[in-house]
Amino acid sequence: MRPHLEPAVTDLLSRLHGEDGAQRARGERTDASLKAVHPTVGELLYRLVIDQGARNILEMGTSHGVSTLYLAAAARHTGGRVVTVDRLAEKTAIADRHLAEAGLGDVVELATAELDEFVAGMPSASERHSAVDFVFVDVGIPAVAPVWSRLEAMLTGDATLLVDGGPPGYWQEPPMADFIESLRQRDWLVSLLPMHKQHLLGIRGVVADPPNTP
């Protein structure tokens, strides 16, 4: 049976999702805005990490740490750890406070860096104690695509990828469509999830049957 989120976490998430909703209603969309993942996406992150027993979790795009809270709560149950990166130091600081408030700071390593610099400084899977087995991307494919080959070398052969997406048609535009095609060519099973936006779910090492195969 999958464990429930702790009350301290659910209370904080409820408050943050409420603040995010109020900001959106007022049209506040600046670098300082929460820009939190939708609660259903957060729940999906929590379930995926726990159900797959992921222990080495990478998040790109910490923001105020809302998605990080879901990931960290799941990592607490799997005995894992979350590494998360954002380019804005003020957001890293806010996320750090939220994690401390939820009692989850001990399972998260926060970093402030540009994505290309952060990925360039990461060791390859063969050099790490354990390769990354779960990745959540919330910075946009244009930022991720240039570093993906390097990042992919740090993943397990059965890693899971979840990418925050966009409205219908988002994944048909370049460079998003090119990113999907490159995943499929390298043995990733890719599916687009019709949630409040279209999110990409990828599982590495699963080869899909060709079209019309019985």
C-alpha atoms as a PDB file:
ATOM      1  CA  MET A   1       0.000   0.000   0.000  1.00  0.00           C
ATOM      2  CA  ARG A   2       1.350   3.404  -1.027  1.00  0.00           C
ATOM      3  CA  PRO A   3       1.986   5.687   1.994  1.00  0.00           C
ATOM      4  CA  HIS A   4       0.124   8.965   2.259  1.00  0.00           C
ATOM      5  CA  LEU A   5       1.799  12.362   2.422  1.00  0.00           C
ATOM      6  CA  GLU A   6       2.522  13.504   5.964  1.00  0.00           C
ATOM      7  CA  PRO A   7       0.179  16.186   7.401  1.00  0.00           C
ATOM      8  CA  ALA A   8       2.987  18.763   7.608  1.00  0.00           C
ATOM      9  CA  VAL A   9       3.612  18.284   3.881  1.00  0.00           C
ATOM     10  CA  THR A  10      -0.041  18.338   2.829  1.00  0.00           C
ATOM     11  CA  ASP A  11      -0.717  21.476   4.887  1.00  0.00           C
ATOM     12  CA  LEU A  12       2.211  23.299   3.312  1.00  0.00           C
ATOM     13  CA  LEU A  13       1.309  22.138  -0.189  1.00  0.00           C
ATOM     14  CA  SER A  14      -2.284  23.271   0.287  1.00  0.00           C
ATOM     15  CA  ARG A  15      -1.069  26.725   1.282  1.00  0.00           C
ATOM     16  CA  LEU A  16       1.393  26.984  -1.609  1.00  0.00           C
ATOM     17  CA  HIS A  17      -1.093  25.770  -4.210  1.00  0.00           C
ATOM     18  CA  GLY A  18      -3.552  28.345  -2.859  1.00  0.00           C
ATOM     19  CA  GLU A  19      -0.976  31.127  -3.193  1.00  0.00           C
ATOM     20  CA  ASP A  20      -0.125  29.961  -6.705  1.00  0.00           C
ATOM     21  CA  GLY A  21      -3.788  29.982  -7.713  1.00  0.00           C
ATOM     22  CA  ALA A  22      -4.221  33.506  -6.378  1.00  0.00           C
ATOM     23  CA  GLN A  23      -1.153  34.717  -8.285  1.00  0.00           C
ATOM     24  CA  ARG A  24      -2.443  33.176 -11.501  1.00  0.00           C
ATOM     25  CA  ALA A  25      -5.863  34.758 -10.980  1.00  0.00           C
ATOM     26  CA  ARG A  26      -4.179  38.156 -10.639  1.00  0.00           C
ATOM     27  CA  GLY A  27      -2.049  37.521 -13.723  1.00  0.00           C
ATOM     28  CA  GLU A  28       1.212  37.589 -11.765  1.00  0.00           C
ATOM     29  CA  ARG A  29       3.745  35.661 -13.884  1.00  0.00           C
ATOM     30  CA  THR A  30       7.215  36.977 -13.050  1.00  0.00           C
ATOM     31  CA  ASP A  31      10.483  35.313 -12.048  1.00  0.00           C
ATOM     32  CA  ALA A  32       9.372  35.712  -8.434  1.00  0.00           C
ATOM     33  CA  SER A  33       6.037  33.919  -8.978  1.00  0.00           C
ATOM     34  CA  LEU A  34       5.446  30.458  -7.557  1.00  0.00           C
ATOM     35  CA  LYS A  35       4.638  28.826 -10.915  1.00  0.00           C
ATOM     36  CA  ALA A  36       3.856  25.608  -9.060  1.00  0.00           C
ATOM     37  CA  VAL A  37       3.091  22.318 -10.751  1.00  0.00           C
ATOM     38  CA  HIS A  38      -0.584  21.415 -10.759  1.00  0.00           C
ATOM     39  CA  PRO A  39      -1.559  19.253  -7.755  1.00  0.00           C
ATOM     40  CA  THR A  40      -2.344  16.322 -10.054  1.00  0.00           C
ATOM     41  CA  VAL A  41       1.176  16.516 -11.475  1.00  0.00           C
ATOM     42  CA  GLY A  42       2.615  16.621  -7.975  1.00  0.00           C
ATOM     43  CA  GLU A  43       0.604  13.547  -7.028  1.00  0.00           C
ATOM     44  CA  LEU A  44       1.825  11.798 -10.179  1.00  0.00           C
ATOM     45  CA  LEU A  45       5.443  12.579  -9.258  1.00  0.00           C
ATOM     46  CA  TYR A  46       4.885  11.206  -5.762  1.00  0.00           C
ATOM     47  CA  ARG A  47       3.311   7.996  -7.043  1.00  0.00           C
ATOM     48  CA  LEU A  48       5.852   7.380  -9.799  1.00  0.00           C
ATOM     49  CA  VAL A  49       8.844   7.715  -7.471  1.00  0.00           C
ATOM     50  CA  ILE A  50       7.338   5.442  -4.818  1.00  0.00           C
ATOM     51  CA  ASP A  51       5.911   2.832  -7.201  1.00  0.00           C
ATOM     52  CA  GLN A  52       9.229   2.546  -9.032  1.00  0.00           C
ATOM     53  CA  GLY A  53      11.339   2.668  -5.888  1.00  0.00           C
ATOM     54  CA  ALA A  54      13.438   5.492  -7.336  1.00  0.00           C
ATOM     55  CA  ARG A  55      16.347   6.462  -5.097  1.00  0.00           C
ATOM     56  CA  ASN A  56      18.418   8.917  -7.140  1.00  0.00           C
ATOM     57  CA  ILE A  57      16.103  11.670  -8.295  1.00  0.00           C
ATOM     58  CA  LEU A  58      17.037  14.715 -10.359  1.00  0.00           C
ATOM     59  CA  GLU A  59      14.829  17.777 -10.736  1.00  0.00           C
ATOM     60  CA  MET A  60      15.576  20.579 -13.168  1.00  0.00           C
ATOM     61  CA  GLY A  61      13.669  23.706 -12.214  1.00  0.00           C
ATOM     62  CA  THR A  62      13.276  23.952  -8.433  1.00  0.00           C
ATOM     63  CA  SER A  63      11.356  27.238  -8.386  1.00  0.00           C
ATOM     64  CA  HIS A  64       9.811  27.617  -4.906  1.00  0.00           C
ATOM     65  CA  GLY A  65      10.111  23.900  -4.246  1.00  0.00           C
ATOM     66  CA  VAL A  66       6.513  22.755  -4.668  1.00  0.00           C
ATOM     67  CA  SER A  67       7.353  19.852  -6.981  1.00  0.00           C
ATOM     68  CA  THR A  68      10.456  19.266  -4.858  1.00  0.00           C
ATOM     69  CA  LEU A  69       8.225  18.675  -1.836  1.00  0.00           C
ATOM     70  CA  TYR A  70       6.379  15.880  -3.656  1.00  0.00           C
ATOM     71  CA  LEU A  71       9.643  14.327  -4.832  1.00  0.00           C
ATOM     72  CA  ALA A  72      11.284  14.621  -1.427  1.00  0.00           C
ATOM     73  CA  ALA A  73       8.280  13.115   0.363  1.00  0.00           C
ATOM     74  CA  ALA A  74       8.449  10.144  -1.992  1.00  0.00           C
ATOM     75  CA  ALA A  75      12.228   9.855  -1.613  1.00  0.00           C
ATOM     76  CA  ARG A  76      11.788   9.691   2.162  1.00  0.00           C
ATOM     77  CA  HIS A  77       9.764   6.499   1.667  1.00  0.00           C
ATOM     78  CA  THR A  78      12.109   4.914  -0.895  1.00  0.00           C
ATOM     79  CA  GLY A  79      15.254   5.738   1.056  1.00  0.00           C
ATOM     80  CA  GLY A  80      16.331   7.964  -1.819  1.00  0.00           C
ATOM     81  CA  ARG A  81      17.601  11.479  -2.346  1.00  0.00           C
ATOM     82  CA  VAL A  82      16.650  14.416  -4.561  1.00  0.00           C
ATOM     83  CA  VAL A  83      19.092  16.730  -6.320  1.00  0.00           C
ATOM     84  CA  THR A  84      17.390  19.847  -7.663  1.00  0.00           C
ATOM     85  CA  VAL A  85      18.736  22.846  -9.559  1.00  0.00           C
ATOM     86  CA  ASP A  86      17.450  26.328 -10.352  1.00  0.00           C
ATOM     87  CA  ARG A  87      19.226  29.310 -11.893  1.00  0.00           C
ATOM     88  CA  LEU A  88      17.841  31.852  -9.391  1.00  0.00           C
ATOM     89  CA  ALA A  89      19.412  31.940  -5.924  1.00  0.00           C
ATOM     90  CA  GLU A  90      16.368  33.616  -4.384  1.00  0.00           C
ATOM     91  CA  LYS A  91      14.170  30.709  -5.481  1.00  0.00           C
ATOM     92  CA  THR A  92      16.649  28.176  -4.124  1.00  0.00           C
ATOM     93  CA  ALA A  93      16.519  29.970  -0.771  1.00  0.00           C
ATOM     94  CA  ILE A  94      12.711  29.937  -0.703  1.00  0.00           C
ATOM     95  CA  ALA A  95      12.636  26.235  -1.617  1.00  0.00           C
ATOM     96  CA  ASP A  96      15.111  25.531   1.169  1.00  0.00           C
ATOM     97  CA  ARG A  97      12.785  27.179   3.694  1.00  0.00           C
ATOM     98  CA  HIS A  98       9.789  25.230   2.433  1.00  0.00           C
ATOM     99  CA  LEU A  99      11.662  21.930   2.659  1.00  0.00           C
ATOM    100  CA  ALA A 100      12.771  22.743   6.196  1.00  0.00           C
ATOM    101  CA  GLU A 101       9.191  23.616   7.171  1.00  0.00           C
ATOM    102  CA  ALA A 102       8.018  20.242   5.852  1.00  0.00           C
ATOM    103  CA  GLY A 103      10.857  18.382   7.576  1.00  0.00           C
ATOM    104  CA  LEU A 104      12.280  17.182   4.270  1.00  0.00           C
ATOM    105  CA  GLY A 105      15.494  19.181   3.972  1.00  0.00           C
ATOM    106  CA  ASP A 106      17.653  16.193   4.845  1.00  0.00           C
ATOM    107  CA  VAL A 107      16.720  14.285   1.677  1.00  0.00           C
ATOM    108  CA  VAL A 108      17.295  17.145  -0.794  1.00  0.00           C
ATOM    109  CA  GLU A 109      20.442  18.711  -2.219  1.00  0.00           C
ATOM    110  CA  LEU A 110      19.746  22.191  -3.615  1.00  0.00           C
ATOM    111  CA  ALA A 111      21.895  23.802  -6.288  1.00  0.00           C
ATOM    112  CA  THR A 112      21.869  27.206  -7.957  1.00  0.00           C
ATOM    113  CA  ALA A 113      23.388  27.180 -11.443  1.00  0.00           C
ATOM    114  CA  GLU A 114      22.702  27.528 -15.127  1.00  0.00           C
ATOM    115  CA  LEU A 115      21.574  24.153 -16.421  1.00  0.00           C
ATOM    116  CA  ASP A 116      24.442  23.625 -18.853  1.00  0.00           C
ATOM    117  CA  GLU A 117      27.016  24.367 -16.150  1.00  0.00           C
ATOM    118  CA  PHE A 118      25.261  22.104 -13.660  1.00  0.00           C
ATOM    119  CA  VAL A 119      25.044  19.144 -16.033  1.00  0.00           C
ATOM    120  CA  ALA A 120      28.637  19.616 -17.201  1.00  0.00           C
ATOM    121  CA  GLY A 121      29.750  19.270 -13.582  1.00  0.00           C
ATOM    122  CA  MET A 122      27.844  16.049 -12.929  1.00  0.00           C
ATOM    123  CA  PRO A 123      29.753  12.746 -13.041  1.00  0.00           C
ATOM    124  CA  SER A 124      28.748  10.069 -15.520  1.00  0.00           C
ATOM    125  CA  ALA A 125      26.782   7.028 -14.388  1.00  0.00           C
ATOM    126  CA  SER A 126      29.963   4.946 -14.220  1.00  0.00           C
ATOM    127  CA  GLU A 127      31.567   7.549 -11.939  1.00  0.00           C
ATOM    128  CA  ARG A 128      28.608   7.957  -9.583  1.00  0.00           C
ATOM    129  CA  HIS A 129      27.836   5.747  -6.611  1.00  0.00           C
ATOM    130  CA  SER A 130      24.418   5.229  -8.192  1.00  0.00           C
ATOM    131  CA  ALA A 131      23.053   6.439 -11.510  1.00  0.00           C
ATOM    132  CA  VAL A 132      20.002   8.700 -11.689  1.00  0.00           C
ATOM    133  CA  ASP A 133      16.807   6.672 -12.006  1.00  0.00           C
ATOM    134  CA  PHE A 134      14.157   9.416 -12.087  1.00  0.00           C
ATOM    135  CA  VAL A 135      14.222  12.834 -13.781  1.00  0.00           C
ATOM    136  CA  PHE A 136      11.661  15.625 -13.608  1.00  0.00           C
ATOM    137  CA  VAL A 137      12.119  18.467 -16.093  1.00  0.00           C
ATOM    138  CA  ASP A 138      10.368  21.777 -15.414  1.00  0.00           C
ATOM    139  CA  VAL A 139      12.578  24.220 -17.312  1.00  0.00           C
ATOM    140  CA  GLY A 140      11.426  23.704 -20.895  1.00  0.00           C
ATOM    141  CA  ILE A 141      12.800  21.503 -23.652  1.00  0.00           C
ATOM    142  CA  PRO A 142      14.766  24.351 -25.319  1.00  0.00           C
ATOM    143  CA  ALA A 143      16.926  24.472 -22.165  1.00  0.00           C
ATOM    144  CA  VAL A 144      17.214  20.698 -21.787  1.00  0.00           C
ATOM    145  CA  ALA A 145      17.793  19.575 -25.383  1.00  0.00           C
ATOM    146  CA  PRO A 146      21.368  20.964 -25.648  1.00  0.00           C
ATOM    147  CA  VAL A 147      22.492  19.049 -22.525  1.00  0.00           C
ATOM    148  CA  TRP A 148      20.403  15.903 -22.917  1.00  0.00           C
ATOM    149  CA  SER A 149      23.127  13.661 -24.384  1.00  0.00           C
ATOM    150  CA  ARG A 150      25.395  14.415 -21.423  1.00  0.00           C
ATOM    151  CA  LEU A 151      22.538  13.968 -18.978  1.00  0.00           C
ATOM    152  CA  GLU A 152      21.376  10.705 -20.520  1.00  0.00           C
ATOM    153  CA  ALA A 153      24.811   9.196 -19.827  1.00  0.00           C
ATOM    154  CA  MET A 154      24.103   9.645 -16.095  1.00  0.00           C
ATOM    155  CA  LEU A 155      20.845   7.673 -16.103  1.00  0.00           C
ATOM    156  CA  THR A 156      20.077   4.055 -15.353  1.00  0.00           C
ATOM    157  CA  GLY A 157      19.019   1.811 -18.213  1.00  0.00           C
ATOM    158  CA  ASP A 158      15.434   1.820 -16.939  1.00  0.00           C
ATOM    159  CA  ALA A 159      15.171   5.461 -15.866  1.00  0.00           C
ATOM    160  CA  THR A 160      11.872   7.343 -15.832  1.00  0.00           C
ATOM    161  CA  LEU A 161      11.462  10.850 -17.237  1.00  0.00           C
ATOM    162  CA  LEU A 162       8.586  13.260 -16.658  1.00  0.00           C
ATOM    163  CA  VAL A 163       8.600  16.594 -18.497  1.00  0.00           C
ATOM    164  CA  ASP A 164       6.291  19.503 -17.753  1.00  0.00           C
ATOM    165  CA  GLY A 165       4.656  20.301 -21.064  1.00  0.00           C
ATOM    166  CA  GLY A 166       2.220  22.711 -22.602  1.00  0.00           C
ATOM    167  CA  PRO A 167      -1.176  23.052 -24.307  1.00  0.00           C
ATOM    168  CA  PRO A 168      -2.325  20.787 -27.158  1.00  0.00           C
ATOM    169  CA  GLY A 169       0.087  21.110 -30.071  1.00  0.00           C
ATOM    170  CA  TYR A 170       3.058  21.958 -27.847  1.00  0.00           C
ATOM    171  CA  TRP A 171       4.869  18.683 -28.551  1.00  0.00           C
ATOM    172  CA  GLN A 172       4.348  18.991 -32.305  1.00  0.00           C
ATOM    173  CA  GLU A 173       6.518  22.113 -32.486  1.00  0.00           C
ATOM    174  CA  PRO A 174      10.329  22.136 -32.745  1.00  0.00           C
ATOM    175  CA  PRO A 175      12.430  21.534 -30.725  1.00  0.00           C
ATOM    176  CA  MET A 176       9.892  19.517 -28.718  1.00  0.00           C
ATOM    177  CA  ALA A 177       8.983  17.181 -31.574  1.00  0.00           C
ATOM    178  CA  ASP A 178      12.684  16.632 -32.297  1.00  0.00           C
ATOM    179  CA  PHE A 179      13.276  15.777 -28.637  1.00  0.00           C
ATOM    180  CA  ILE A 180      10.537  13.132 -28.672  1.00  0.00           C
ATOM    181  CA  GLU A 181      11.926  11.582 -31.845  1.00  0.00           C
ATOM    182  CA  SER A 182      15.442  11.452 -30.400  1.00  0.00           C
ATOM    183  CA  LEU A 183      14.125   9.664 -27.304  1.00  0.00           C
ATOM    184  CA  ARG A 184      12.303   7.066 -29.377  1.00  0.00           C
ATOM    185  CA  GLN A 185      15.395   6.429 -31.479  1.00  0.00           C
ATOM    186  CA  ARG A 186      17.307   5.626 -28.288  1.00  0.00           C
ATOM    187  CA  ASP A 187      14.855   3.058 -26.910  1.00  0.00           C
ATOM    188  CA  TRP A 188      12.661   5.289 -24.793  1.00  0.00           C
ATOM    189  CA  LEU A 189       8.965   4.507 -24.606  1.00  0.00           C
ATOM    190  CA  VAL A 190       7.278   7.914 -24.808  1.00  0.00           C
ATOM    191  CA  SER A 191       3.708   8.862 -24.000  1.00  0.00           C
ATOM    192  CA  LEU A 192       1.959  12.232 -23.796  1.00  0.00           C
ATOM    193  CA  LEU A 193      -0.322  12.511 -20.780  1.00  0.00           C
ATOM    194  CA  PRO A 194      -3.492  14.605 -21.337  1.00  0.00           C
ATOM    195  CA  MET A 195      -3.585  16.343 -17.959  1.00  0.00           C
ATOM    196  CA  HIS A 196      -4.234  20.070 -17.447  1.00  0.00           C
ATOM    197  CA  LYS A 197      -1.363  20.377 -19.944  1.00  0.00           C
ATOM    198  CA  GLN A 198       0.266  17.712 -22.099  1.00  0.00           C
ATOM    199  CA  HIS A 199       3.111  16.214 -20.090  1.00  0.00           C
ATOM    200  CA  LEU A 200       5.686  13.800 -21.457  1.00  0.00           C
ATOM    201  CA  LEU A 201       6.332  10.500 -19.701  1.00  0.00           C
ATOM    202  CA  GLY A 202       9.319   8.482 -20.858  1.00  0.00           C
ATOM    203  CA  ILE A 203      10.602   5.082 -19.728  1.00  0.00           C
ATOM    204  CA  ARG A 204      14.056   4.095 -20.864  1.00  0.00           C
ATOM    205  CA  GLY A 205      14.853   0.659 -22.215  1.00  0.00           C
ATOM    206  CA  VAL A 206      11.333  -0.181 -23.366  1.00  0.00           C
ATOM    207  CA  VAL A 207      11.025  -0.712 -27.118  1.00  0.00           C
ATOM    208  CA  ALA A 208       7.548  -0.088 -28.446  1.00  0.00           C
ATOM    209  CA  ASP A 209       6.058  -2.406 -31.047  1.00  0.00           C
ATOM    210  CA  PRO A 210       6.023  -1.051 -34.595  1.00  0.00           C
ATOM    211  CA  PRO A 211       2.655   0.294 -35.758  1.00  0.00           C
ATOM    212  CA  ASN A 212       0.097  -2.381 -36.714  1.00  0.00           C
ATOM    213  CA  THR A 213       2.094  -5.158 -35.035  1.00  0.00           C
ATOM    214  CA  PRO A 214      -0.278  -7.798 -33.620  1.00  0.00           C
END
